[in-house]
N, C-alpha and C. Protein backbone atom coordinates (compact mmCIF):
# COMPACT_ATOMS: atom_id res chain seq x y z
N PHE A 1 -74.06 -43.90 3.96
CA PHE A 1 -73.58 -45.21 3.55
C PHE A 1 -74.76 -46.07 3.12
N ILE A 2 -74.49 -47.00 2.26
CA ILE A 2 -75.48 -47.96 1.80
C ILE A 2 -75.00 -49.34 2.26
N ALA A 3 -75.88 -50.09 2.87
CA ALA A 3 -75.52 -51.44 3.31
C ALA A 3 -75.25 -52.32 2.10
N ARG A 4 -74.29 -53.19 2.25
CA ARG A 4 -73.89 -54.12 1.18
C ARG A 4 -75.09 -54.80 0.53
N GLU A 5 -76.00 -55.30 1.37
CA GLU A 5 -77.13 -56.07 0.82
C GLU A 5 -78.03 -55.21 -0.07
N HIS A 6 -78.11 -53.90 0.20
CA HIS A 6 -78.91 -53.03 -0.66
C HIS A 6 -78.24 -52.84 -2.02
N VAL A 7 -76.92 -52.71 -2.01
CA VAL A 7 -76.20 -52.56 -3.28
C VAL A 7 -76.38 -53.83 -4.12
N LEU A 8 -76.29 -54.96 -3.48
CA LEU A 8 -76.42 -56.22 -4.21
C LEU A 8 -77.85 -56.48 -4.68
N SER A 9 -78.83 -55.92 -3.97
CA SER A 9 -80.22 -56.20 -4.33
C SER A 9 -80.85 -55.13 -5.23
N ALA A 10 -80.13 -54.05 -5.49
CA ALA A 10 -80.69 -52.95 -6.31
C ALA A 10 -80.66 -53.34 -7.78
N THR A 11 -81.58 -54.20 -8.16
CA THR A 11 -81.58 -54.71 -9.54
C THR A 11 -82.73 -54.16 -10.36
N ASP A 12 -83.49 -53.21 -9.80
CA ASP A 12 -84.64 -52.68 -10.52
C ASP A 12 -84.29 -51.62 -11.55
N GLN A 13 -83.03 -51.22 -11.61
CA GLN A 13 -82.55 -50.29 -12.63
C GLN A 13 -81.06 -50.54 -12.83
N PRO A 14 -80.50 -50.09 -13.96
CA PRO A 14 -79.10 -50.43 -14.26
C PRO A 14 -78.07 -49.83 -13.31
N SER A 15 -78.37 -48.66 -12.74
CA SER A 15 -77.41 -48.05 -11.82
C SER A 15 -78.09 -47.85 -10.47
N LEU A 16 -77.32 -47.47 -9.48
CA LEU A 16 -77.91 -47.20 -8.18
C LEU A 16 -78.92 -46.06 -8.30
N PRO A 17 -79.99 -46.13 -7.55
CA PRO A 17 -80.94 -45.02 -7.57
C PRO A 17 -80.30 -43.72 -7.08
N ARG A 18 -80.96 -42.62 -7.41
CA ARG A 18 -80.48 -41.32 -6.94
C ARG A 18 -80.47 -41.30 -5.41
N MET A 19 -79.65 -40.43 -4.86
CA MET A 19 -79.55 -40.33 -3.41
C MET A 19 -80.93 -40.06 -2.78
N GLN A 20 -81.72 -39.19 -3.40
CA GLN A 20 -83.04 -38.87 -2.88
C GLN A 20 -83.93 -40.11 -2.83
N ASP A 21 -83.81 -40.97 -3.85
CA ASP A 21 -84.60 -42.20 -3.88
C ASP A 21 -84.11 -43.19 -2.83
N LEU A 22 -82.81 -43.25 -2.63
CA LEU A 22 -82.26 -44.12 -1.58
C LEU A 22 -82.76 -43.67 -0.21
N GLN A 23 -82.83 -42.35 0.00
CA GLN A 23 -83.34 -41.83 1.27
C GLN A 23 -84.80 -42.23 1.45
N GLN A 24 -85.61 -42.11 0.40
CA GLN A 24 -87.03 -42.49 0.49
C GLN A 24 -87.21 -43.97 0.79
N ARG A 25 -86.33 -44.79 0.26
CA ARG A 25 -86.40 -46.24 0.50
C ARG A 25 -85.89 -46.60 1.90
N GLY A 26 -85.23 -45.65 2.57
CA GLY A 26 -84.65 -45.93 3.88
C GLY A 26 -83.36 -46.72 3.79
N TRP A 27 -82.67 -46.61 2.67
CA TRP A 27 -81.45 -47.38 2.43
C TRP A 27 -80.18 -46.69 2.87
N LEU A 28 -80.25 -45.44 3.27
CA LEU A 28 -79.04 -44.73 3.67
C LEU A 28 -78.89 -44.77 5.18
N THR A 29 -77.67 -44.98 5.62
CA THR A 29 -77.35 -45.04 7.04
C THR A 29 -76.24 -44.05 7.33
N ARG A 30 -76.46 -43.21 8.32
CA ARG A 30 -75.43 -42.25 8.72
C ARG A 30 -74.39 -42.98 9.57
N ARG A 31 -73.16 -42.87 9.14
CA ARG A 31 -72.03 -43.43 9.89
C ARG A 31 -70.96 -42.35 9.94
N ILE A 32 -70.39 -42.16 11.09
CA ILE A 32 -69.33 -41.16 11.24
C ILE A 32 -68.00 -41.89 11.31
N ILE A 33 -67.12 -41.50 10.41
CA ILE A 33 -65.79 -42.10 10.37
C ILE A 33 -64.77 -40.98 10.49
N ASP A 34 -63.90 -41.10 11.45
CA ASP A 34 -62.81 -40.14 11.62
C ASP A 34 -61.74 -40.50 10.60
N LEU A 35 -61.65 -39.72 9.52
CA LEU A 35 -60.74 -40.07 8.43
C LEU A 35 -59.27 -40.18 8.85
N PRO A 36 -58.72 -39.24 9.64
CA PRO A 36 -57.32 -39.44 10.05
C PRO A 36 -57.11 -40.76 10.78
N CYS A 37 -58.06 -41.14 11.64
CA CYS A 37 -57.95 -42.43 12.33
C CYS A 37 -58.06 -43.58 11.34
N ALA A 38 -58.98 -43.46 10.40
CA ALA A 38 -59.16 -44.52 9.40
C ALA A 38 -57.90 -44.69 8.57
N PHE A 39 -57.27 -43.58 8.19
CA PHE A 39 -56.04 -43.66 7.39
C PHE A 39 -54.92 -44.34 8.17
N ARG A 40 -54.96 -44.20 9.49
CA ARG A 40 -53.95 -44.87 10.33
C ARG A 40 -54.37 -46.28 10.69
N GLY A 41 -55.61 -46.66 10.34
CA GLY A 41 -56.09 -48.00 10.66
C GLY A 41 -56.64 -48.10 12.07
N ASN A 42 -57.00 -46.96 12.67
CA ASN A 42 -57.55 -46.95 14.02
C ASN A 42 -59.02 -46.53 13.99
N GLY A 43 -59.83 -47.12 14.84
CA GLY A 43 -61.19 -46.66 15.03
C GLY A 43 -62.20 -47.15 14.02
N VAL A 44 -61.79 -47.77 12.96
CA VAL A 44 -62.73 -48.30 11.98
C VAL A 44 -62.07 -49.51 11.31
N ASP A 45 -62.86 -50.52 11.06
CA ASP A 45 -62.35 -51.68 10.34
C ASP A 45 -62.43 -51.37 8.86
N VAL A 46 -61.29 -50.98 8.28
CA VAL A 46 -61.27 -50.51 6.89
C VAL A 46 -61.70 -51.60 5.90
N GLU A 47 -61.63 -52.84 6.28
CA GLU A 47 -62.08 -53.91 5.39
C GLU A 47 -63.60 -53.96 5.28
N GLU A 48 -64.32 -53.30 6.20
CA GLU A 48 -65.78 -53.33 6.20
C GLU A 48 -66.39 -52.18 5.40
N VAL A 49 -65.55 -51.24 4.92
CA VAL A 49 -66.06 -50.06 4.24
C VAL A 49 -65.44 -49.95 2.85
N LEU A 50 -66.28 -49.71 1.86
CA LEU A 50 -65.82 -49.48 0.49
C LEU A 50 -66.19 -48.06 0.11
N PHE A 51 -65.20 -47.26 -0.25
CA PHE A 51 -65.43 -45.90 -0.71
C PHE A 51 -65.35 -45.89 -2.24
N VAL A 52 -66.39 -45.35 -2.88
CA VAL A 52 -66.44 -45.32 -4.34
C VAL A 52 -66.60 -43.88 -4.79
N SER A 53 -65.66 -43.41 -5.59
CA SER A 53 -65.77 -42.11 -6.22
C SER A 53 -65.51 -42.33 -7.70
N HIS A 54 -66.32 -41.77 -8.54
CA HIS A 54 -66.22 -42.07 -9.96
C HIS A 54 -66.60 -40.86 -10.80
N ARG A 55 -66.24 -40.90 -12.03
CA ARG A 55 -66.61 -39.86 -12.98
C ARG A 55 -67.97 -40.19 -13.57
N TRP A 56 -68.84 -39.19 -13.66
CA TRP A 56 -70.14 -39.39 -14.30
C TRP A 56 -69.94 -39.53 -15.80
N GLU A 57 -70.71 -40.40 -16.42
CA GLU A 57 -70.61 -40.60 -17.87
C GLU A 57 -71.13 -39.38 -18.64
N THR A 58 -72.22 -38.81 -18.16
CA THR A 58 -72.78 -37.59 -18.76
C THR A 58 -73.23 -36.69 -17.61
N PRO A 59 -73.49 -35.41 -17.88
CA PRO A 59 -73.94 -34.52 -16.80
C PRO A 59 -75.26 -34.97 -16.15
N SER A 60 -76.06 -35.75 -16.84
CA SER A 60 -77.35 -36.17 -16.28
C SER A 60 -77.38 -37.62 -15.81
N SER A 61 -76.33 -38.38 -16.08
CA SER A 61 -76.35 -39.80 -15.73
C SER A 61 -74.95 -40.27 -15.32
N PRO A 62 -74.83 -40.74 -14.08
CA PRO A 62 -73.51 -41.19 -13.63
C PRO A 62 -73.11 -42.55 -14.21
N ASP A 63 -74.09 -43.40 -14.50
CA ASP A 63 -73.78 -44.78 -14.87
C ASP A 63 -74.92 -45.34 -15.72
N SER A 64 -75.12 -44.77 -16.90
CA SER A 64 -76.31 -45.09 -17.71
C SER A 64 -76.40 -46.56 -18.12
N LYS A 65 -75.29 -47.22 -18.31
CA LYS A 65 -75.30 -48.63 -18.74
C LYS A 65 -75.17 -49.61 -17.57
N GLY A 66 -74.88 -49.09 -16.38
CA GLY A 66 -74.74 -49.95 -15.21
C GLY A 66 -73.38 -50.59 -15.08
N ASP A 67 -72.41 -50.16 -15.87
CA ASP A 67 -71.07 -50.76 -15.82
C ASP A 67 -70.39 -50.56 -14.47
N GLN A 68 -70.55 -49.35 -13.93
CA GLN A 68 -69.89 -49.06 -12.64
C GLN A 68 -70.54 -49.86 -11.51
N LEU A 69 -71.87 -49.93 -11.50
CA LEU A 69 -72.55 -50.72 -10.47
C LEU A 69 -72.19 -52.20 -10.61
N ALA A 70 -72.08 -52.68 -11.82
CA ALA A 70 -71.69 -54.08 -12.03
C ALA A 70 -70.30 -54.35 -11.46
N ALA A 71 -69.38 -53.39 -11.64
CA ALA A 71 -68.03 -53.55 -11.11
C ALA A 71 -68.04 -53.54 -9.57
N ILE A 72 -68.87 -52.69 -8.99
CA ILE A 72 -68.97 -52.65 -7.52
C ILE A 72 -69.55 -53.96 -7.01
N ARG A 73 -70.60 -54.43 -7.65
CA ARG A 73 -71.19 -55.72 -7.24
C ARG A 73 -70.19 -56.86 -7.37
N ALA A 74 -69.44 -56.88 -8.47
CA ALA A 74 -68.44 -57.93 -8.67
C ALA A 74 -67.40 -57.88 -7.55
N HIS A 75 -66.99 -56.67 -7.17
CA HIS A 75 -66.01 -56.55 -6.08
C HIS A 75 -66.61 -57.07 -4.77
N LEU A 76 -67.86 -56.70 -4.48
CA LEU A 76 -68.49 -57.15 -3.24
C LEU A 76 -68.61 -58.67 -3.18
N MET A 77 -68.77 -59.31 -4.32
CA MET A 77 -68.91 -60.76 -4.37
C MET A 77 -67.57 -61.49 -4.43
N SER A 78 -66.49 -60.75 -4.62
CA SER A 78 -65.16 -61.36 -4.73
C SER A 78 -64.56 -61.62 -3.35
N ASP A 79 -63.47 -62.37 -3.32
CA ASP A 79 -62.76 -62.60 -2.07
C ASP A 79 -62.29 -61.29 -1.45
N ALA A 80 -61.85 -60.35 -2.29
CA ALA A 80 -61.35 -59.06 -1.79
C ALA A 80 -62.46 -58.24 -1.13
N GLY A 81 -63.70 -58.41 -1.57
CA GLY A 81 -64.80 -57.60 -1.04
C GLY A 81 -65.73 -58.33 -0.10
N ARG A 82 -65.41 -59.54 0.26
CA ARG A 82 -66.33 -60.35 1.05
C ARG A 82 -66.60 -59.79 2.45
N LEU A 83 -65.68 -58.98 3.00
CA LEU A 83 -65.87 -58.43 4.34
C LEU A 83 -66.55 -57.06 4.34
N VAL A 84 -66.75 -56.49 3.17
CA VAL A 84 -67.36 -55.15 3.08
C VAL A 84 -68.81 -55.21 3.55
N LYS A 85 -69.15 -54.32 4.49
CA LYS A 85 -70.52 -54.22 5.00
C LYS A 85 -71.19 -52.93 4.57
N TRP A 86 -70.39 -51.89 4.30
CA TRP A 86 -70.91 -50.57 4.00
C TRP A 86 -70.25 -50.00 2.76
N VAL A 87 -71.05 -49.34 1.91
CA VAL A 87 -70.52 -48.71 0.70
C VAL A 87 -70.84 -47.22 0.78
N TRP A 88 -69.81 -46.39 0.63
CA TRP A 88 -69.99 -44.95 0.50
C TRP A 88 -69.83 -44.67 -0.98
N TYR A 89 -70.89 -44.13 -1.57
CA TYR A 89 -70.94 -43.95 -3.01
C TYR A 89 -71.03 -42.46 -3.32
N ASP A 90 -70.12 -41.97 -4.10
CA ASP A 90 -70.08 -40.55 -4.47
C ASP A 90 -71.10 -40.30 -5.57
N PHE A 91 -72.21 -39.71 -5.19
CA PHE A 91 -73.26 -39.42 -6.16
C PHE A 91 -72.92 -38.17 -6.92
């Protein structure tokens, strides 16, 4: 997972850095979520977690123009995303 503040502050490139780079920066946090419990609304505050899965634009670049990251940031800054603390991003 990536903390909300890291997603909002990752402005040094148009898209989120590669997973390996996020690991080097110390931006990844291991969190264990029991999915059946989460689907039932037990054991995790679902409003605090944003799951993002997306199609890569090209085989070598998931978000070359930064459109997807901009949409995620916009959601985090909106009323609907104001409680999100953690982002799981499908690299």
